[in-house]
N, C-alpha and C. Protein backbone atom coordinates (compact mmCIF):
# COMPACT_ATOMS: atom_id res chain seq x y z
N MET A 1 0.79 -1.14 0.11
CA MET A 1 -0.05 0.19 -0.18
C MET A 1 0.78 0.84 -0.03
N ASN A 2 0.56 2.30 -1.03
CA ASN A 2 1.19 3.50 -1.01
C ASN A 2 0.98 4.52 0.04
N THR A 3 1.70 4.77 1.16
CA THR A 3 1.16 5.91 2.26
C THR A 3 1.93 7.08 1.73
N LYS A 4 2.16 7.34 0.92
CA LYS A 4 3.02 8.81 0.35
C LYS A 4 2.03 9.51 0.02
N PRO A 5 2.09 10.51 0.84
CA PRO A 5 0.94 11.62 0.41
C PRO A 5 1.24 12.22 -0.86
N CYS A 6 0.17 12.56 -1.42
CA CYS A 6 0.09 13.06 -3.05
C CYS A 6 0.41 14.60 -2.83
N SER A 7 1.59 14.96 -3.37
CA SER A 7 1.82 16.50 -3.18
C SER A 7 0.64 17.23 -3.64
N GLU A 8 -0.48 16.96 -5.07
CA GLU A 8 -1.48 17.76 -5.07
C GLU A 8 -2.68 17.35 -4.70
N GLY A 9 -2.73 16.65 -3.79
CA GLY A 9 -3.93 16.11 -3.04
C GLY A 9 -4.77 14.83 -4.29
N LEU A 10 -5.57 14.45 -3.63
CA LEU A 10 -6.23 13.25 -4.27
C LEU A 10 -7.23 13.62 -5.08
N SER A 11 -7.64 13.04 -6.11
CA SER A 11 -8.59 13.16 -7.34
C SER A 11 -9.73 13.15 -7.05
N LEU A 12 -10.64 13.84 -7.46
CA LEU A 12 -12.20 13.41 -7.09
C LEU A 12 -12.40 11.96 -7.52
N ALA A 13 -11.97 11.63 -8.50
CA ALA A 13 -12.20 10.18 -8.90
C ALA A 13 -11.94 9.30 -7.89
N MET A 14 -10.74 9.66 -7.39
CA MET A 14 -10.27 8.64 -6.34
C MET A 14 -11.26 8.90 -4.97
N PHE A 15 -11.36 9.92 -4.67
CA PHE A 15 -12.62 10.10 -3.57
C PHE A 15 -13.95 9.47 -4.03
N GLU A 16 -14.16 9.38 -5.05
CA GLU A 16 -15.46 8.66 -5.48
C GLU A 16 -15.28 7.29 -5.39
N ARG A 17 -14.53 6.55 -5.73
CA ARG A 17 -14.06 5.33 -5.31
C ARG A 17 -14.35 4.96 -3.96
N VAL A 18 -13.07 5.52 -3.28
CA VAL A 18 -13.25 5.24 -1.82
C VAL A 18 -14.64 5.26 -1.02
N CYS A 19 -15.29 6.50 -1.60
CA CYS A 19 -16.77 6.93 -0.99
C CYS A 19 -17.57 5.17 -0.94
N GLU A 20 -17.47 4.59 -2.34
CA GLU A 20 -17.95 3.57 -2.83
C GLU A 20 -17.73 2.50 -2.13
N VAL A 21 -16.39 2.38 -1.64
CA VAL A 21 -16.21 0.95 -0.44
C VAL A 21 -16.43 1.42 0.94
N LEU A 22 -16.47 2.68 1.08
CA LEU A 22 -16.56 3.05 2.58
C LEU A 22 -18.37 2.77 2.54
N LYS A 23 -19.14 3.01 1.86
CA LYS A 23 -20.63 2.97 1.73
C LYS A 23 -21.12 1.38 1.89
N VAL A 24 -19.77 0.53 1.44
CA VAL A 24 -19.98 -1.00 1.65
C VAL A 24 -19.51 -1.35 2.91
N LEU A 25 -18.74 -0.51 3.60
CA LEU A 25 -18.34 -0.96 4.84
C LEU A 25 -19.11 -0.29 5.96
N ALA A 26 -19.90 0.76 5.52
CA ALA A 26 -20.74 1.73 6.64
C ALA A 26 -21.57 0.59 7.01
N HIS A 27 -21.56 -0.34 7.62
CA HIS A 27 -22.71 -1.40 8.29
C HIS A 27 -22.29 -2.07 9.19
N PRO A 28 -22.78 -1.93 10.64
CA PRO A 28 -22.12 -2.74 11.56
C PRO A 28 -21.87 -4.23 11.60
N HIS A 29 -22.69 -4.81 10.64
CA HIS A 29 -22.61 -6.37 10.42
C HIS A 29 -21.46 -6.85 9.39
N ARG A 30 -21.09 -5.69 8.64
CA ARG A 30 -20.19 -6.11 7.42
C ARG A 30 -18.89 -5.88 8.03
N LEU A 31 -18.75 -4.81 8.92
CA LEU A 31 -17.74 -4.25 9.73
C LEU A 31 -17.47 -5.68 10.37
N LYS A 32 -18.20 -6.53 11.62
CA LYS A 32 -18.19 -7.55 12.08
C LYS A 32 -17.55 -8.54 11.29
N VAL A 33 -18.09 -8.90 9.98
CA VAL A 33 -17.56 -9.65 8.98
C VAL A 33 -16.12 -9.47 9.12
N ILE A 34 -15.63 -8.50 8.55
CA ILE A 34 -14.34 -8.16 8.35
C ILE A 34 -13.28 -8.43 9.53
N GLU A 35 -14.06 -7.99 10.83
CA GLU A 35 -13.06 -8.29 11.98
C GLU A 35 -12.97 -10.06 12.18
N VAL A 36 -14.29 -10.51 11.91
CA VAL A 36 -13.66 -12.35 11.85
C VAL A 36 -12.97 -12.46 11.01
N LEU A 37 -13.05 -12.38 9.71
CA LEU A 37 -12.17 -12.50 8.54
C LEU A 37 -10.71 -12.05 9.21
N GLN A 38 -10.50 -10.99 9.80
CA GLN A 38 -9.16 -10.90 9.90
C GLN A 38 -8.57 -11.79 11.01
N ARG A 39 -9.23 -12.25 12.36
CA ARG A 39 -8.91 -12.94 12.96
C ARG A 39 -8.56 -14.48 12.43
N GLU A 40 -9.52 -14.83 11.53
CA GLU A 40 -9.57 -16.34 11.18
C GLU A 40 -9.02 -16.45 9.59
N GLU A 41 -8.62 -15.47 9.25
CA GLU A 41 -7.74 -15.34 8.13
C GLU A 41 -9.10 -15.92 6.83
N SER A 42 -9.72 -17.12 6.95
CA SER A 42 -10.71 -17.57 6.18
C SER A 42 -11.67 -18.41 6.66
N ALA A 43 -13.05 -18.33 6.28
CA ALA A 43 -14.06 -18.98 7.06
C ALA A 43 -15.22 -18.93 6.29
N PRO A 44 -15.82 -20.31 6.39
CA PRO A 44 -17.10 -20.31 5.50
C PRO A 44 -18.15 -19.71 6.15
N VAL A 45 -19.03 -19.61 5.32
CA VAL A 45 -20.25 -18.65 5.34
C VAL A 45 -20.96 -18.86 6.96
N PHE A 46 -21.19 -20.55 7.00
CA PHE A 46 -21.78 -20.52 8.49
C PHE A 46 -21.25 -20.31 9.50
N GLU A 47 -19.80 -20.45 9.58
CA GLU A 47 -19.19 -20.09 10.80
C GLU A 47 -19.21 -18.31 11.01
N ILE A 48 -18.99 -17.88 9.99
CA ILE A 48 -18.94 -16.06 9.88
C ILE A 48 -20.62 -15.93 10.46
N ALA A 49 -21.69 -16.59 9.86
CA ALA A 49 -22.85 -16.28 10.57
C ALA A 49 -22.99 -16.34 12.08
N GLN A 50 -22.38 -17.47 12.65
CA GLN A 50 -22.48 -18.03 14.03
C GLN A 50 -22.07 -16.73 14.62
N ARG A 51 -20.58 -16.32 14.11
CA ARG A 51 -19.70 -15.55 15.07
C ARG A 51 -20.55 -14.11 14.89
N ILE A 52 -21.20 -13.63 13.81
CA ILE A 52 -21.80 -12.14 13.96
C ILE A 52 -23.46 -12.35 14.47
N GLY A 53 -23.96 -13.43 14.77
CA GLY A 53 -25.01 -13.50 15.21
C GLY A 53 -26.20 -13.40 13.95
N LEU A 54 -26.22 -13.65 12.56
CA LEU A 54 -27.38 -13.73 11.63
C LEU A 54 -27.29 -14.91 11.19
N PRO A 55 -28.56 -14.57 10.76
CA PRO A 55 -28.76 -15.89 9.88
C PRO A 55 -27.81 -16.05 8.67
N GLN A 56 -27.31 -17.27 8.39
CA GLN A 56 -26.88 -17.62 7.01
C GLN A 56 -26.93 -16.85 5.74
N ALA A 57 -28.57 -16.90 5.37
CA ALA A 57 -29.02 -15.98 4.19
C ALA A 57 -28.67 -14.52 4.68
N ALA A 58 -28.69 -14.06 5.68
CA ALA A 58 -28.24 -12.53 5.67
C ALA A 58 -26.89 -12.30 5.48
N THR A 59 -26.20 -13.30 6.38
CA THR A 59 -24.69 -13.42 6.16
C THR A 59 -24.22 -13.39 4.61
N SER A 60 -25.06 -14.22 3.98
CA SER A 60 -24.47 -14.47 2.71
C SER A 60 -24.96 -12.87 1.93
N GLN A 61 -25.79 -12.32 2.22
CA GLN A 61 -25.97 -11.08 1.60
C GLN A 61 -24.85 -9.91 1.56
N HIS A 62 -24.57 -10.09 3.09
CA HIS A 62 -23.43 -8.89 3.42
C HIS A 62 -22.33 -9.46 2.86
N LEU A 63 -21.97 -10.94 2.59
CA LEU A 63 -20.61 -11.06 2.16
C LEU A 63 -20.85 -10.58 0.58
N ASN A 64 -21.57 -10.99 -0.07
CA ASN A 64 -22.07 -10.59 -1.49
C ASN A 64 -21.82 -9.23 -2.00
N HIS A 65 -22.30 -8.20 -0.93
CA HIS A 65 -22.01 -6.79 -0.91
C HIS A 65 -20.38 -6.40 -1.18
N LEU A 66 -19.70 -7.32 0.11
CA LEU A 66 -18.26 -7.19 0.54
C LEU A 66 -17.69 -7.72 -1.06
N LYS A 67 -18.16 -8.89 -1.22
CA LYS A 67 -17.46 -9.12 -2.70
C LYS A 67 -17.44 -8.15 -3.67
N ARG A 68 -18.52 -7.72 -4.37
CA ARG A 68 -18.93 -7.09 -5.42
C ARG A 68 -17.94 -5.85 -4.99
N ALA A 69 -17.60 -5.14 -3.65
CA ALA A 69 -16.91 -4.19 -3.80
C ALA A 69 -15.30 -4.50 -3.80
N GLY A 70 -15.22 -5.66 -3.86
CA GLY A 70 -13.63 -6.19 -3.78
C GLY A 70 -13.03 -6.46 -2.58
N ILE A 71 -13.74 -6.35 -1.56
CA ILE A 71 -13.22 -6.10 -0.11
C ILE A 71 -12.83 -7.47 0.21
N VAL A 72 -13.65 -8.87 -0.03
CA VAL A 72 -13.52 -10.08 0.49
C VAL A 72 -13.51 -10.89 -0.99
N ALA A 73 -13.01 -12.14 -1.01
CA ALA A 73 -12.66 -13.28 -2.32
C ALA A 73 -13.24 -14.36 -1.54
N ALA A 74 -13.99 -15.01 -2.43
CA ALA A 74 -14.77 -15.94 -2.26
C ALA A 74 -14.02 -17.63 -2.83
N ARG A 75 -14.01 -18.65 -2.38
CA ARG A 75 -13.51 -19.92 -3.05
C ARG A 75 -14.23 -20.98 -2.60
N ARG A 76 -14.63 -21.71 -3.36
CA ARG A 76 -15.58 -22.85 -3.10
C ARG A 76 -14.62 -23.88 -2.88
N THR A 77 -15.22 -25.06 -1.86
CA THR A 77 -14.31 -26.04 -1.36
C THR A 77 -15.36 -27.06 -1.18
N GLY A 78 -15.39 -28.02 -2.02
CA GLY A 78 -16.94 -29.09 -1.64
C GLY A 78 -18.10 -27.85 -2.07
N LYS A 79 -19.27 -28.00 -1.05
CA LYS A 79 -20.23 -27.37 -1.01
C LYS A 79 -20.19 -26.11 -0.33
N GLU A 80 -19.10 -25.66 0.03
CA GLU A 80 -19.09 -24.75 0.98
C GLU A 80 -18.32 -23.72 0.58
N VAL A 81 -18.35 -22.22 0.59
CA VAL A 81 -17.79 -21.20 0.05
C VAL A 81 -17.20 -20.38 1.29
N TRP A 82 -15.82 -20.39 1.21
CA TRP A 82 -15.36 -19.81 2.13
C TRP A 82 -14.65 -18.35 1.73
N TYR A 83 -14.54 -17.50 2.76
CA TYR A 83 -14.40 -15.84 2.45
C TYR A 83 -13.05 -15.89 3.20
N SER A 84 -12.31 -14.79 2.20
CA SER A 84 -11.24 -14.25 3.24
C SER A 84 -11.41 -12.82 2.57
N ILE A 85 -10.10 -11.75 3.34
CA ILE A 85 -9.89 -10.45 3.03
C ILE A 85 -9.20 -10.29 1.75
N GLN A 86 -9.86 -9.76 0.39
CA GLN A 86 -9.21 -9.60 -0.50
C GLN A 86 -8.28 -8.05 -0.50
N ASP A 87 -9.02 -7.09 0.07
CA ASP A 87 -8.38 -5.77 -0.17
C ASP A 87 -7.81 -5.63 1.67
N ARG A 88 -6.77 -5.75 1.73
CA ARG A 88 -6.35 -5.39 3.24
C ARG A 88 -6.75 -4.12 3.75
N ARG A 89 -6.92 -3.11 3.15
CA ARG A 89 -7.12 -1.70 3.24
C ARG A 89 -8.44 -1.40 4.47
N SER A 90 -9.37 -2.68 3.98
CA SER A 90 -10.68 -2.51 5.08
C SER A 90 -10.05 -2.68 6.29
N ILE A 91 -9.15 -3.59 6.85
CA ILE A 91 -8.76 -3.83 8.15
C ILE A 91 -7.95 -2.50 8.64
N SER A 92 -7.59 -1.41 7.79
CA SER A 92 -7.07 -0.36 8.24
C SER A 92 -8.21 0.47 8.91
N VAL A 93 -9.52 0.77 7.77
CA VAL A 93 -10.54 1.02 8.25
C VAL A 93 -10.99 0.69 9.79
N LEU A 94 -11.08 -0.90 9.74
CA LEU A 94 -11.26 -0.99 11.13
C LEU A 94 -10.62 -1.00 12.29
N ASP A 95 -9.23 -0.77 11.87
CA ASP A 95 -8.39 -0.48 13.00
C ASP A 95 -8.32 1.32 13.46
N CYS A 96 -8.95 1.94 12.76
CA CYS A 96 -9.48 3.34 13.18
C CYS A 96 -10.58 3.50 13.82
N ILE A 97 -11.51 2.64 13.35
CA ILE A 97 -12.67 2.20 14.41
C ILE A 97 -12.23 1.91 15.83
N ARG A 98 -11.49 0.93 15.73
CA ARG A 98 -10.96 0.37 17.16
C ARG A 98 -10.26 1.55 17.76
N GLU A 99 -9.40 2.28 17.12
CA GLU A 99 -8.54 3.28 17.96
C GLU A 99 -9.43 4.50 18.31
N LYS A 100 -10.29 4.99 17.63
CA LYS A 100 -11.21 5.65 18.36
C LYS A 100 -12.13 5.52 19.48
N GLY A 101 -12.91 4.10 19.00
CA GLY A 101 -13.53 3.48 20.33
C GLY A 101 -12.89 3.23 21.64
N CYS A 102 -11.30 2.79 21.39
CA CYS A 102 -10.75 2.56 22.72
C CYS A 102 -10.33 4.02 23.12
N ARG A 103 -10.45 5.02 22.46
CA ARG A 103 -9.75 6.31 23.28
C ARG A 103 -11.22 6.72 23.89
N GLU A 104 -12.35 6.32 23.50
CA GLU A 104 -13.37 7.02 24.22
C GLU A 104 -14.01 6.05 25.25
N GLY A 105 -13.10 4.88 25.29
CA GLY A 105 -13.77 3.79 26.11
C GLY A 105 -15.04 3.26 26.05
N LYS A 106 -15.13 2.71 24.81
CA LYS A 106 -16.35 2.19 24.61
C LYS A 106 -15.98 0.79 23.70
C-alpha cells in the first residue's frame, strides 16, 4: 500500500472510488465480518454467520456486497464457500474505528 502523500492532493475520481467502498463498509454487520475474517484469515459462511449472530442467508447477502466491492474473495471447497479478505485496506478502516472506540472507552 502506498502511504506516501500526494503533493497535489487526491483526485475527485479517487474520492468517489473510496466513497463507494466506505458505503459498503458502513454497516455494523459488514464490519463485524471483516473483524471475523481478520482473526480467522478465512472462514465458511456458516461460521461467519454464527460469529456475527445473523442467519446464514443474511450473512451471505452481506458477504456478496463485500465481494462485489472487492473487499473479500470467495472460494468454493466442495459445497462450502470460504471467504477471506481480499483488500487489506478494509482492516485499516477497522483499525481506525477500534482506535477511536478505545480512546473513548467504548
